[in-house]
């Protein structure tokens, strides 16, 4: 192989490797959506996880925030779409993919959960 081709191949390999290292595994943009499933009742999807929320005149009752990034996104969407704050967050159970992110709503929401939730 000619030296210039070897250098080009090495450079391409390094650039390809650095491009693959640019985003950590799972750091792809999340697939998120909100779908109305009943009057003022919505399903929130974050990749393969879903939760629900209810919009009321007194604020929003949300369940299982999923993670901090999802909770921030949901909070902003609710504020933009409905002009409301999340006032209650209900934890269905204490698995990390259900309770993570709830701290995002500490300043606006009251947590509702069973006694043994961590």
PDB file of N, CA and C in Angstrom:
ATOM      1  N   UNK A   1       0.855  -1.176   0.000  1.00  0.00           N
ATOM      2  CA  UNK A   1       0.000   0.000   0.000  1.00  0.00           C
ATOM      3  C   UNK A   1       0.899   1.237   0.000  1.00  0.00           C
ATOM      4  N   UNK A   2       0.534   2.199  -0.783  1.00  0.00           N
ATOM      5  CA  UNK A   2       1.302   3.439  -0.843  1.00  0.00           C
ATOM      6  C   UNK A   2       1.191   4.165   0.494  1.00  0.00           C
ATOM      7  N   UNK A   3       2.254   4.862   0.908  1.00  0.00           N
ATOM      8  CA  UNK A   3       2.236   5.567   2.191  1.00  0.00           C
ATOM      9  C   UNK A   3       1.069   6.540   2.323  1.00  0.00           C
ATOM     10  N   UNK A   4       0.745   7.255   1.284  1.00  0.00           N
ATOM     11  CA  UNK A   4      -0.360   8.211   1.356  1.00  0.00           C
ATOM     12  C   UNK A   4      -1.684   7.496   1.587  1.00  0.00           C
ATOM     13  N   UNK A   5      -1.858   6.326   0.972  1.00  0.00           N
ATOM     14  CA  UNK A   5      -3.080   5.542   1.170  1.00  0.00           C
ATOM     15  C   UNK A   5      -3.141   4.997   2.588  1.00  0.00           C
ATOM     16  N   UNK A   6      -1.982   4.596   3.140  1.00  0.00           N
ATOM     17  CA  UNK A   6      -1.940   4.100   4.511  1.00  0.00           C
ATOM     18  C   UNK A   6      -2.320   5.217   5.486  1.00  0.00           C
ATOM     19  N   UNK A   7      -1.811   6.414   5.236  1.00  0.00           N
ATOM     20  CA  UNK A   7      -2.144   7.558   6.092  1.00  0.00           C
ATOM     21  C   UNK A   7      -3.629   7.884   5.972  1.00  0.00           C
ATOM     22  N   UNK A   8      -4.148   7.874   4.746  1.00  0.00           N
ATOM     23  CA  UNK A   8      -5.574   8.159   4.537  1.00  0.00           C
ATOM     24  C   UNK A   8      -6.435   7.111   5.225  1.00  0.00           C
ATOM     25  N   UNK A   9      -6.037   5.842   5.121  1.00  0.00           N
ATOM     26  CA  UNK A   9      -6.806   4.762   5.762  1.00  0.00           C
ATOM     27  C   UNK A   9      -6.774   4.913   7.275  1.00  0.00           C
ATOM     28  N   UNK A  10      -5.601   5.237   7.816  1.00  0.00           N
ATOM     29  CA  UNK A  10      -5.482   5.432   9.261  1.00  0.00           C
ATOM     30  C   UNK A  10      -6.317   6.618   9.717  1.00  0.00           C
ATOM     31  N   UNK A  11      -6.277   7.708   8.959  1.00  0.00           N
ATOM     32  CA  UNK A  11      -7.068   8.891   9.291  1.00  0.00           C
ATOM     33  C   UNK A  11      -8.556   8.581   9.238  1.00  0.00           C
ATOM     34  N   UNK A  12      -8.983   7.857   8.216  1.00  0.00           N
ATOM     35  CA  UNK A  12     -10.396   7.480   8.103  1.00  0.00           C
ATOM     36  C   UNK A  12     -10.825   6.608   9.275  1.00  0.00           C
ATOM     37  N   UNK A  13      -9.950   5.684   9.685  1.00  0.00           N
ATOM     38  CA  UNK A  13     -10.269   4.822  10.822  1.00  0.00           C
ATOM     39  C   UNK A  13     -10.399   5.631  12.105  1.00  0.00           C
ATOM     40  N   UNK A  14      -9.465   6.570  12.314  1.00  0.00           N
ATOM     41  CA  UNK A  14      -9.523   7.412  13.512  1.00  0.00           C
ATOM     42  C   UNK A  14     -10.767   8.290  13.490  1.00  0.00           C
ATOM     43  N   UNK A  15     -11.060   8.897  12.351  1.00  0.00           N
ATOM     44  CA  UNK A  15     -12.255   9.748  12.250  1.00  0.00           C
ATOM     45  C   UNK A  15     -13.526   8.932  12.453  1.00  0.00           C
ATOM     46  N   UNK A  16     -13.567   7.739  11.908  1.00  0.00           N
ATOM     47  CA  UNK A  16     -14.728   6.880  12.103  1.00  0.00           C
ATOM     48  C   UNK A  16     -14.896   6.493  13.546  1.00  0.00           C
ATOM     49  N   UNK A  17     -13.786   6.193  14.220  1.00  0.00           N
ATOM     50  CA  UNK A  17     -13.829   5.842  15.628  1.00  0.00           C
ATOM     51  C   UNK A  17     -14.264   7.033  16.460  1.00  0.00           C
ATOM     52  N   UNK A  18     -13.708   8.212  16.178  1.00  0.00           N
ATOM     53  CA  UNK A  18     -14.086   9.379  16.968  1.00  0.00           C
ATOM     54  C   UNK A  18     -15.545   9.748  16.734  1.00  0.00           C
ATOM     55  N   UNK A  19     -16.049   9.529  15.521  1.00  0.00           N
ATOM     56  CA  UNK A  19     -17.463   9.808  15.270  1.00  0.00           C
ATOM     57  C   UNK A  19     -18.337   8.854  16.055  1.00  0.00           C
ATOM     58  N   UNK A  20     -17.916   7.600  16.170  1.00  0.00           N
ATOM     59  CA  UNK A  20     -18.725   6.641  16.918  1.00  0.00           C
ATOM     60  C   UNK A  20     -18.647   6.902  18.413  1.00  0.00           C
ATOM     61  N   UNK A  21     -17.584   7.580  18.870  1.00  0.00           N
ATOM     62  CA  UNK A  21     -17.452   7.902  20.283  1.00  0.00           C
ATOM     63  C   UNK A  21     -18.085   9.237  20.638  1.00  0.00           C
ATOM     64  N   UNK A  22     -18.517   9.989  19.654  1.00  0.00           N
ATOM     65  CA  UNK A  22     -19.058  11.330  19.902  1.00  0.00           C
ATOM     66  C   UNK A  22     -20.310  11.283  20.771  1.00  0.00           C
ATOM     67  N   UNK A  23     -21.172  10.315  20.573  1.00  0.00           N
ATOM     68  CA  UNK A  23     -22.368  10.165  21.390  1.00  0.00           C
ATOM     69  C   UNK A  23     -22.282   8.862  22.156  1.00  0.00           C
ATOM     70  N   UNK A  24     -22.417   8.919  23.467  1.00  0.00           N
ATOM     71  CA  UNK A  24     -22.404   7.682  24.228  1.00  0.00           C
ATOM     72  C   UNK A  24     -23.574   6.792  23.811  1.00  0.00           C
ATOM     73  N   UNK A  25     -23.440   5.506  24.052  1.00  0.00           N
ATOM     74  CA  UNK A  25     -24.522   4.580  23.722  1.00  0.00           C
ATOM     75  C   UNK A  25     -25.806   5.037  24.406  1.00  0.00           C
ATOM     76  N   UNK A  26     -26.892   5.050  23.684  1.00  0.00           N
ATOM     77  CA  UNK A  26     -28.177   5.457  24.244  1.00  0.00           C
ATOM     78  C   UNK A  26     -28.374   6.958  24.298  1.00  0.00           C
ATOM     79  N   UNK A  27     -27.426   7.741  23.788  1.00  0.00           N
ATOM     80  CA  UNK A  27     -27.539   9.192  23.861  1.00  0.00           C
ATOM     81  C   UNK A  27     -28.268   9.774  22.659  1.00  0.00           C
ATOM     82  N   UNK A  28     -28.857   8.932  21.863  1.00  0.00           N
ATOM     83  CA  UNK A  28     -29.615   9.416  20.728  1.00  0.00           C
ATOM     84  C   UNK A  28     -30.813  10.195  21.245  1.00  0.00           C
ATOM     85  N   UNK A  29     -31.301  11.079  20.410  1.00  0.00           N
ATOM     86  CA  UNK A  29     -32.458  11.872  20.816  1.00  0.00           C
ATOM     87  C   UNK A  29     -33.633  10.955  21.116  1.00  0.00           C
ATOM     88  N   UNK A  30     -34.268  11.184  22.247  1.00  0.00           N
ATOM     89  CA  UNK A  30     -35.379  10.343  22.677  1.00  0.00           C
ATOM     90  C   UNK A  30     -36.611  10.573  21.809  1.00  0.00           C
ATOM     91  N   UNK A  31     -37.360   9.525  21.603  1.00  0.00           N
ATOM     92  CA  UNK A  31     -38.640   9.638  20.906  1.00  0.00           C
ATOM     93  C   UNK A  31     -39.688   9.957  21.966  1.00  0.00           C
ATOM     94  N   UNK A  32     -40.251  11.155  21.874  1.00  0.00           N
ATOM     95  CA  UNK A  32     -41.236  11.588  22.873  1.00  0.00           C
ATOM     96  C   UNK A  32     -42.488  12.073  22.171  1.00  0.00           C
ATOM     97  N   UNK A  33     -43.614  11.790  22.811  1.00  0.00           N
ATOM     98  CA  UNK A  33     -44.885  12.250  22.258  1.00  0.00           C
ATOM     99  C   UNK A  33     -45.922  12.338  23.361  1.00  0.00           C
ATOM    100  N   UNK A  34     -46.974  13.086  23.065  1.00  0.00           N
ATOM    101  CA  UNK A  34     -48.134  13.204  23.941  1.00  0.00           C
ATOM    102  C   UNK A  34     -49.359  12.888  23.094  1.00  0.00           C
ATOM    103  N   UNK A  35     -50.195  11.981  23.591  1.00  0.00           N
ATOM    104  CA  UNK A  35     -51.394  11.568  22.875  1.00  0.00           C
ATOM    105  C   UNK A  35     -52.590  11.667  23.811  1.00  0.00           C
ATOM    106  N   UNK A  36     -53.648  12.324  23.356  1.00  0.00           N
ATOM    107  CA  UNK A  36     -54.863  12.395  24.170  1.00  0.00           C
ATOM    108  C   UNK A  36     -55.563  11.049  24.131  1.00  0.00           C
ATOM    109  N   UNK A  37     -55.898  10.515  25.309  1.00  0.00           N
ATOM    110  CA  UNK A  37     -56.586   9.220  25.383  1.00  0.00           C
ATOM    111  C   UNK A  37     -57.961   9.337  26.020  1.00  0.00           C
ATOM    112  N   UNK A  38     -58.328  10.515  26.434  1.00  0.00           N
ATOM    113  CA  UNK A  38     -59.641  10.789  27.010  1.00  0.00           C
ATOM    114  C   UNK A  38     -59.732  12.278  27.281  1.00  0.00           C
ATOM    115  N   UNK A  39     -60.896  12.747  27.721  1.00  0.00           N
ATOM    116  CA  UNK A  39     -61.033  14.181  28.001  1.00  0.00           C
ATOM    117  C   UNK A  39     -60.017  14.649  29.048  1.00  0.00           C
ATOM    118  N   UNK A  40     -59.094  15.507  28.642  1.00  0.00           N
ATOM    119  CA  UNK A  40     -58.051  16.064  29.506  1.00  0.00           C
ATOM    120  C   UNK A  40     -57.084  15.015  30.057  1.00  0.00           C
ATOM    121  N   UNK A  41     -57.100  13.812  29.489  1.00  0.00           N
ATOM    122  CA  UNK A  41     -56.271  12.701  29.949  1.00  0.00           C
ATOM    123  C   UNK A  41     -55.324  12.303  28.816  1.00  0.00           C
ATOM    124  N   UNK A  42     -54.020  12.255  29.101  1.00  0.00           N
ATOM    125  CA  UNK A  42     -53.010  12.085  28.056  1.00  0.00           C
ATOM    126  C   UNK A  42     -51.999  10.997  28.402  1.00  0.00           C
ATOM    127  N   UNK A  43     -51.495  10.361  27.355  1.00  0.00           N
ATOM    128  CA  UNK A  43     -50.391   9.419  27.491  1.00  0.00           C
ATOM    129  C   UNK A  43     -49.130  10.148  27.043  1.00  0.00           C
ATOM    130  N   UNK A  44     -48.090  10.005  27.824  1.00  0.00           N
ATOM    131  CA  UNK A  44     -46.784  10.563  27.509  1.00  0.00           C
ATOM    132  C   UNK A  44     -45.841   9.409  27.204  1.00  0.00           C
ATOM    133  N   UNK A  45     -45.188   9.465  26.053  1.00  0.00           N
ATOM    134  CA  UNK A  45     -44.247   8.413  25.669  1.00  0.00           C
ATOM    135  C   UNK A  45     -42.832   8.977  25.644  1.00  0.00           C
ATOM    136  N   UNK A  46     -41.922   8.233  26.229  1.00  0.00           N
ATOM    137  CA  UNK A  46     -40.493   8.523  26.170  1.00  0.00           C
ATOM    138  C   UNK A  46     -39.811   7.223  25.759  1.00  0.00           C
ATOM    139  N   UNK A  47     -39.445   7.128  24.484  1.00  0.00           N
ATOM    140  CA  UNK A  47     -38.911   5.893  23.914  1.00  0.00           C
ATOM    141  C   UNK A  47     -39.894   4.754  24.146  1.00  0.00           C
ATOM    142  N   UNK A  48     -39.512   3.746  24.920  1.00  0.00           N
ATOM    143  CA  UNK A  48     -40.392   2.592  25.119  1.00  0.00           C
ATOM    144  C   UNK A  48     -41.177   2.655  26.423  1.00  0.00           C
ATOM    145  N   UNK A  49     -41.038   3.745  27.163  1.00  0.00           N
ATOM    146  CA  UNK A  49     -41.764   3.914  28.421  1.00  0.00           C
ATOM    147  C   UNK A  49     -42.933   4.867  28.212  1.00  0.00           C
ATOM    148  N   UNK A  50     -44.000   4.609  28.916  1.00  0.00           N
ATOM    149  CA  UNK A  50     -45.147   5.516  28.869  1.00  0.00           C
ATOM    150  C   UNK A  50     -45.620   5.819  30.286  1.00  0.00           C
ATOM    151  N   UNK A  51     -46.216   6.958  30.432  1.00  0.00           N
ATOM    152  CA  UNK A  51     -46.900   7.346  31.656  1.00  0.00           C
ATOM    153  C   UNK A  51     -48.098   8.180  31.237  1.00  0.00           C
ATOM    154  N   UNK A  52     -48.864   8.626  32.187  1.00  0.00           N
ATOM    155  CA  UNK A  52     -50.066   9.399  31.873  1.00  0.00           C
ATOM    156  C   UNK A  52     -50.107  10.661  32.720  1.00  0.00           C
ATOM    157  N   UNK A  53     -50.922  11.623  32.263  1.00  0.00           N
ATOM    158  CA  UNK A  53     -51.181  12.803  33.079  1.00  0.00           C
ATOM    159  C   UNK A  53     -52.587  13.310  32.799  1.00  0.00           C
ATOM    160  N   UNK A  54     -53.135  13.990  33.795  1.00  0.00           N
ATOM    161  CA  UNK A  54     -54.482  14.548  33.741  1.00  0.00           C
ATOM    162  C   UNK A  54     -54.378  16.051  33.938  1.00  0.00           C
ATOM    163  N   UNK A  55     -54.969  16.798  33.030  1.00  0.00           N
ATOM    164  CA  UNK A  55     -54.971  18.255  33.117  1.00  0.00           C
ATOM    165  C   UNK A  55     -56.258  18.682  33.808  1.00  0.00           C
ATOM    166  N   UNK A  56     -56.115  19.426  34.913  1.00  0.00           N
ATOM    167  CA  UNK A  56     -57.273  19.931  35.649  1.00  0.00           C
ATOM    168  C   UNK A  56     -57.146  21.447  35.776  1.00  0.00           C
ATOM    169  N   UNK A  57     -58.212  22.088  36.219  1.00  0.00           N
ATOM    170  CA  UNK A  57     -58.159  23.538  36.429  1.00  0.00           C
ATOM    171  C   UNK A  57     -57.160  23.915  37.522  1.00  0.00           C
ATOM    172  N   UNK A  58     -56.912  23.002  38.448  1.00  0.00           N
ATOM    173  CA  UNK A  58     -56.004  23.268  39.560  1.00  0.00           C
ATOM    174  C   UNK A  58     -54.559  22.870  39.257  1.00  0.00           C
ATOM    175  N   UNK A  59     -54.292  22.376  38.066  1.00  0.00           N
ATOM    176  CA  UNK A  59     -52.944  21.948  37.698  1.00  0.00           C
ATOM    177  C   UNK A  59     -52.959  20.545  37.141  1.00  0.00           C
ATOM    178  N   UNK A  60     -51.788  20.014  36.907  1.00  0.00           N
ATOM    179  CA  UNK A  60     -51.652  18.712  36.260  1.00  0.00           C
ATOM    180  C   UNK A  60     -51.255  17.656  37.281  1.00  0.00           C
ATOM    181  N   UNK A  61     -51.887  16.489  37.147  1.00  0.00           N
ATOM    182  CA  UNK A  61     -51.527  15.312  37.926  1.00  0.00           C
ATOM    183  C   UNK A  61     -50.782  14.390  36.964  1.00  0.00           C
ATOM    184  N   UNK A  62     -49.493  14.154  37.233  1.00  0.00           N
ATOM    185  CA  UNK A  62     -48.662  13.323  36.358  1.00  0.00           C
ATOM    186  C   UNK A  62     -48.269  12.049  37.086  1.00  0.00           C
ATOM    187  N   UNK A  63     -47.955  11.018  36.321  1.00  0.00           N
ATOM    188  CA  UNK A  63     -47.464   9.772  36.902  1.00  0.00           C
ATOM    189  C   UNK A  63     -46.068   9.475  36.382  1.00  0.00           C
ATOM    190  N   UNK A  64     -45.325   8.717  37.139  1.00  0.00           N
ATOM    191  CA  UNK A  64     -44.045   8.132  36.737  1.00  0.00           C
ATOM    192  C   UNK A  64     -43.249   8.973  35.743  1.00  0.00           C
ATOM    193  N   UNK A  65     -42.395   9.888  36.222  1.00  0.00           N
ATOM    194  CA  UNK A  65     -41.682  10.806  35.342  1.00  0.00           C
ATOM    195  C   UNK A  65     -40.642  10.168  34.412  1.00  0.00           C
ATOM    196  N   UNK A  66     -40.258   8.948  34.621  1.00  0.00           N
ATOM    197  CA  UNK A  66     -39.360   8.147  33.770  1.00  0.00           C
ATOM    198  C   UNK A  66     -37.885   8.488  34.007  1.00  0.00           C
ATOM    199  N   UNK A  67     -37.470   9.721  33.735  1.00  0.00           N
ATOM    200  CA  UNK A  67     -36.106  10.177  34.024  1.00  0.00           C
ATOM    201  C   UNK A  67     -36.100  11.704  33.970  1.00  0.00           C
ATOM    202  N   UNK A  68     -34.999  12.314  34.372  1.00  0.00           N
ATOM    203  CA  UNK A  68     -34.951  13.776  34.465  1.00  0.00           C
ATOM    204  C   UNK A  68     -35.148  14.454  33.114  1.00  0.00           C
ATOM    205  N   UNK A  69     -34.525  13.937  32.068  1.00  0.00           N
ATOM    206  CA  UNK A  69     -34.672  14.560  30.744  1.00  0.00           C
ATOM    207  C   UNK A  69     -36.120  14.484  30.273  1.00  0.00           C
ATOM    208  N   UNK A  70     -36.765  13.355  30.488  1.00  0.00           N
ATOM    209  CA  UNK A  70     -38.169  13.203  30.100  1.00  0.00           C
ATOM    210  C   UNK A  70     -39.053  14.126  30.928  1.00  0.00           C
ATOM    211  N   UNK A  71     -38.760  14.244  32.217  1.00  0.00           N
ATOM    212  CA  UNK A  71     -39.555  15.103  33.099  1.00  0.00           C
ATOM    213  C   UNK A  71     -39.439  16.573  32.700  1.00  0.00           C
ATOM    214  N   UNK A  72     -38.239  17.006  32.354  1.00  0.00           N
ATOM    215  CA  UNK A  72     -38.040  18.395  31.904  1.00  0.00           C
ATOM    216  C   UNK A  72     -38.808  18.639  30.613  1.00  0.00           C
ATOM    217  N   UNK A  73     -38.709  17.702  29.676  1.00  0.00           N
ATOM    218  CA  UNK A  73     -39.427  17.840  28.409  1.00  0.00           C
ATOM    219  C   UNK A  73     -40.934  17.913  28.653  1.00  0.00           C
ATOM    220  N   UNK A  74     -41.434  17.008  29.492  1.00  0.00           N
ATOM    221  CA  UNK A  74     -42.868  16.973  29.772  1.00  0.00           C
ATOM    222  C   UNK A  74     -43.322  18.259  30.463  1.00  0.00           C
ATOM    223  N   UNK A  75     -42.562  18.719  31.419  1.00  0.00           N
ATOM    224  CA  UNK A  75     -42.905  19.967  32.113  1.00  0.00           C
ATOM    225  C   UNK A  75     -43.020  21.129  31.122  1.00  0.00           C
ATOM    226  N   UNK A  76     -42.059  21.239  30.216  1.00  0.00           N
ATOM    227  CA  UNK A  76     -42.092  22.309  29.214  1.00  0.00           C
ATOM    228  C   UNK A  76     -43.267  22.161  28.254  1.00  0.00           C
ATOM    229  N   UNK A  77     -43.554  20.933  27.833  1.00  0.00           N
ATOM    230  CA  UNK A  77     -44.690  20.697  26.931  1.00  0.00           C
ATOM    231  C   UNK A  77     -46.011  21.048  27.603  1.00  0.00           C
ATOM    232  N   UNK A  78     -46.161  20.660  28.856  1.00  0.00           N
ATOM    233  CA  UNK A  78     -47.403  20.953  29.586  1.00  0.00           C
ATOM    234  C   UNK A  78     -47.562  22.461  29.770  1.00  0.00           C
ATOM    235  N   UNK A  79     -46.483  23.130  30.102  1.00  0.00           N
ATOM    236  CA  UNK A  79     -46.532  24.589  30.270  1.00  0.00           C
ATOM    237  C   UNK A  79     -46.910  25.262  28.944  1.00  0.00           C
ATOM    238  N   UNK A  80     -46.312  24.804  27.844  1.00  0.00           N
ATOM    239  CA  UNK A  80     -46.566  25.394  26.525  1.00  0.00           C
ATOM    240  C   UNK A  80     -47.965  25.080  26.016  1.00  0.00           C
ATOM    241  N   UNK A  81     -48.361  23.819  26.092  1.00  0.00           N
ATOM    242  CA  UNK A  81     -49.645  23.393  25.520  1.00  0.00           C
ATOM    243  C   UNK A  81     -50.851  23.772  26.368  1.00  0.00           C
ATOM    244  N   UNK A  82     -50.697  23.710  27.694  1.00  0.00           N
ATOM    245  CA  UNK A  82     -51.861  23.855  28.573  1.00  0.00           C
ATOM    246  C   UNK A  82     -51.767  25.039  29.531  1.00  0.00           C
ATOM    247  N   UNK A  83     -50.607  25.705  29.583  1.00  0.00           N
ATOM    248  CA  UNK A  83     -50.440  26.820  30.505  1.00  0.00           C
ATOM    249  C   UNK A  83     -50.575  26.400  31.955  1.00  0.00           C
ATOM    250  N   UNK A  84     -50.184  25.175  32.264  1.00  0.00           N
ATOM    251  CA  UNK A  84     -50.336  24.613  33.611  1.00  0.00           C
ATOM    252  C   UNK A  84     -48.999  24.153  34.162  1.00  0.00           C
ATOM    253  N   UNK A  85     -48.959  23.961  35.469  1.00  0.00           N
ATOM    254  CA  UNK A  85     -47.817  23.377  36.164  1.00  0.00           C
ATOM    255  C   UNK A  85     -48.203  21.973  36.629  1.00  0.00           C
ATOM    256  N   UNK A  86     -47.217  21.133  36.813  1.00  0.00           N
ATOM    257  CA  UNK A  86     -47.452  19.811  37.393  1.00  0.00           C
ATOM    258  C   UNK A  86     -47.561  20.008  38.899  1.00  0.00           C
ATOM    259  N   UNK A  87     -48.719  19.698  39.471  1.00  0.00           N
ATOM    260  CA  UNK A  87     -48.988  19.922  40.898  1.00  0.00           C
ATOM    261  C   UNK A  87     -48.875  18.644  41.727  1.00  0.00           C
ATOM    262  N   UNK A  88     -49.115  17.501  41.119  1.00  0.00           N
ATOM    263  CA  UNK A  88     -49.006  16.205  41.802  1.00  0.00           C
ATOM    264  C   UNK A  88     -48.288  15.232  40.892  1.00  0.00           C
ATOM    265  N   UNK A  89     -47.431  14.416  41.475  1.00  0.00           N
ATOM    266  CA  UNK A  89     -46.796  13.333  40.742  1.00  0.00           C
ATOM    267  C   UNK A  89     -47.070  12.047  41.515  1.00  0.00           C
ATOM    268  N   UNK A  90     -47.627  11.083  40.814  1.00  0.00           N
ATOM    269  CA  UNK A  90     -48.000   9.804  41.417  1.00  0.00           C
ATOM    270  C   UNK A  90     -46.990   8.752  40.955  1.00  0.00           C
ATOM    271  N   UNK A  91     -46.338   8.101  41.916  1.00  0.00           N
ATOM    272  CA  UNK A  91     -45.425   7.003  41.600  1.00  0.00           C
ATOM    273  C   UNK A  91     -46.205   5.694  41.693  1.00  0.00           C
ATOM    274  N   UNK A  92     -46.231   4.935  40.615  1.00  0.00           N
ATOM    275  CA  UNK A  92     -46.939   3.652  40.635  1.00  0.00           C
ATOM    276  C   UNK A  92     -46.176   2.611  41.448  1.00  0.00           C
ATOM    277  N   UNK A  93     -44.844   2.656  41.376  1.00  0.00           N
ATOM    278  CA  UNK A  93     -43.971   1.786  42.166  1.00  0.00           C
ATOM    279  C   UNK A  93     -42.555   2.342  42.094  1.00  0.00           C
ATOM    280  N   UNK A  94     -41.633   1.745  42.837  1.00  0.00           N
ATOM    281  CA  UNK A  94     -40.328   2.375  42.999  1.00  0.00           C
ATOM    282  C   UNK A  94     -39.221   1.866  42.081  1.00  0.00           C
ATOM    283  N   UNK A  95     -39.545   1.358  40.924  1.00  0.00           N
ATOM    284  CA  UNK A  95     -38.496   1.023  39.959  1.00  0.00           C
ATOM    285  C   UNK A  95     -37.915   2.315  39.399  1.00  0.00           C
ATOM    286  N   UNK A  96     -36.623   2.303  39.147  1.00  0.00           N
ATOM    287  CA  UNK A  96     -35.917   3.515  38.714  1.00  0.00           C
ATOM    288  C   UNK A  96     -36.535   4.144  37.473  1.00  0.00           C
ATOM    289  N   UNK A  97     -37.030   3.326  36.530  1.00  0.00           N
ATOM    290  CA  UNK A  97     -37.599   3.888  35.302  1.00  0.00           C
ATOM    291  C   UNK A  97     -38.984   4.492  35.522  1.00  0.00           C
ATOM    292  N   UNK A  98     -39.457   4.482  36.750  1.00  0.00           N
ATOM    293  CA  UNK A  98     -40.742   5.114  37.067  1.00  0.00           C
ATOM    294  C   UNK A  98     -40.570   6.335  37.968  1.00  0.00           C
ATOM    295  N   UNK A  99     -39.623   6.271  38.897  1.00  0.00           N
ATOM    296  CA  UNK A  99     -39.493   7.373  39.854  1.00  0.00           C
ATOM    297  C   UNK A  99     -38.360   8.341  39.530  1.00  0.00           C
ATOM    298  N   UNK A 100     -37.434   7.959  38.664  1.00  0.00           N
ATOM    299  CA  UNK A 100     -36.339   8.869  38.324  1.00  0.00           C
ATOM    300  C   UNK A 100     -36.893  10.110  37.633  1.00  0.00           C
ATOM    301  N   UNK A 101     -36.350  11.249  37.980  1.00  0.00           N
ATOM    302  CA  UNK A 101     -36.760  12.500  37.350  1.00  0.00           C
ATOM    303  C   UNK A 101     -37.770  13.298  38.142  1.00  0.00           C
ATOM    304  N   UNK A 102     -38.365  12.705  39.138  1.00  0.00           N
ATOM    305  CA  UNK A 102     -39.367  13.415  39.929  1.00  0.00           C
ATOM    306  C   UNK A 102     -38.829  14.658  40.613  1.00  0.00           C
ATOM    307  N   UNK A 103     -37.522  14.670  40.871  1.00  0.00           N
ATOM    308  CA  UNK A 103     -36.913  15.832  41.511  1.00  0.00           C
ATOM    309  C   UNK A 103     -37.030  17.090  40.664  1.00  0.00           C
ATOM    310  N   UNK A 104     -37.254  16.929  39.382  1.00  0.00           N
ATOM    311  CA  UNK A 104     -37.439  18.079  38.484  1.00  0.00           C
ATOM    312  C   UNK A 104     -38.662  18.893  38.903  1.00  0.00           C
ATOM    313  N   UNK A 105     -39.642  18.225  39.478  1.00  0.00           N
ATOM    314  CA  UNK A 105     -40.892  18.891  39.852  1.00  0.00           C
ATOM    315  C   UNK A 105     -40.960  19.229  41.334  1.00  0.00           C
ATOM    316  N   UNK A 106     -39.849  19.150  42.048  1.00  0.00           N
ATOM    317  CA  UNK A 106     -39.833  19.430  43.489  1.00  0.00           C
ATOM    318  C   UNK A 106     -40.420  20.790  43.843  1.00  0.00           C
ATOM    319  N   UNK A 107     -40.201  21.784  42.988  1.00  0.00           N
ATOM    320  CA  UNK A 107     -40.659  23.134  43.320  1.00  0.00           C
ATOM    321  C   UNK A 107     -42.136  23.360  43.037  1.00  0.00           C
ATOM    322  N   UNK A 108     -42.791  22.442  42.308  1.00  0.00           N
ATOM    323  CA  UNK A 108     -44.206  22.645  41.980  1.00  0.00           C
ATOM    324  C   UNK A 108     -45.114  21.502  42.411  1.00  0.00           C
ATOM    325  N   UNK A 109     -44.562  20.296  42.597  1.00  0.00           N
ATOM    326  CA  UNK A 109     -45.420  19.120  42.769  1.00  0.00           C
ATOM    327  C   UNK A 109     -45.304  18.450  44.131  1.00  0.00           C
ATOM    328  N   UNK A 110     -46.405  17.867  44.549  1.00  0.00           N
ATOM    329  CA  UNK A 110     -46.469  17.029  45.731  1.00  0.00           C
ATOM    330  C   UNK A 110     -46.422  15.582  45.243  1.00  0.00           C
ATOM    331  N   UNK A 111     -45.583  14.764  45.877  1.00  0.00           N
ATOM    332  CA  UNK A 111     -45.479  13.357  45.497  1.00  0.00           C
ATOM    333  C   UNK A 111     -46.547  12.555  46.227  1.00  0.00           C
ATOM    334  N   UNK A 112     -47.223  11.702  45.474  1.00  0.00           N
ATOM    335  CA  UNK A 112     -48.214  10.789  46.030  1.00  0.00           C
ATOM    336  C   UNK A 112     -47.718   9.375  45.732  1.00  0.00           C
ATOM    337  N   UNK A 113     -47.485   8.601  46.805  1.00  0.00           N
ATOM    338  CA  UNK A 113     -46.958   7.243  46.619  1.00  0.00           C
ATOM    339  C   UNK A 113     -47.290   6.418  47.857  1.00  0.00           C
ATOM    340  N   UNK A 114     -47.104   5.126  47.755  1.00  0.00           N
ATOM    341  CA  UNK A 114     -47.327   4.272  48.920  1.00  0.00           C
ATOM    342  C   UNK A 114     -46.136   4.418  49.876  1.00  0.00           C
ATOM    343  N   UNK A 115     -46.293   4.002  51.095  1.00  0.00           N
ATOM    344  CA  UNK A 115     -45.333   4.283  52.167  1.00  0.00           C
ATOM    345  C   UNK A 115     -43.927   3.748  51.901  1.00  0.00           C
ATOM    346  N   UNK A 116     -43.775   2.654  51.193  1.00  0.00           N
ATOM    347  CA  UNK A 116     -42.458   2.037  51.027  1.00  0.00           C
ATOM    348  C   UNK A 116     -41.691   2.520  49.796  1.00  0.00           C
ATOM    349  N   UNK A 117     -42.192   3.481  49.073  1.00  0.00           N
ATOM    350  CA  UNK A 117     -41.455   3.997  47.907  1.00  0.00           C
ATOM    351  C   UNK A 117     -40.233   4.748  48.437  1.00  0.00           C
ATOM    352  N   UNK A 118     -39.087   4.474  47.819  1.00  0.00           N
ATOM    353  CA  UNK A 118     -37.842   5.120  48.272  1.00  0.00           C
ATOM    354  C   UNK A 118     -37.739   6.523  47.763  1.00  0.00           C
TER     355      UNK A 118
END
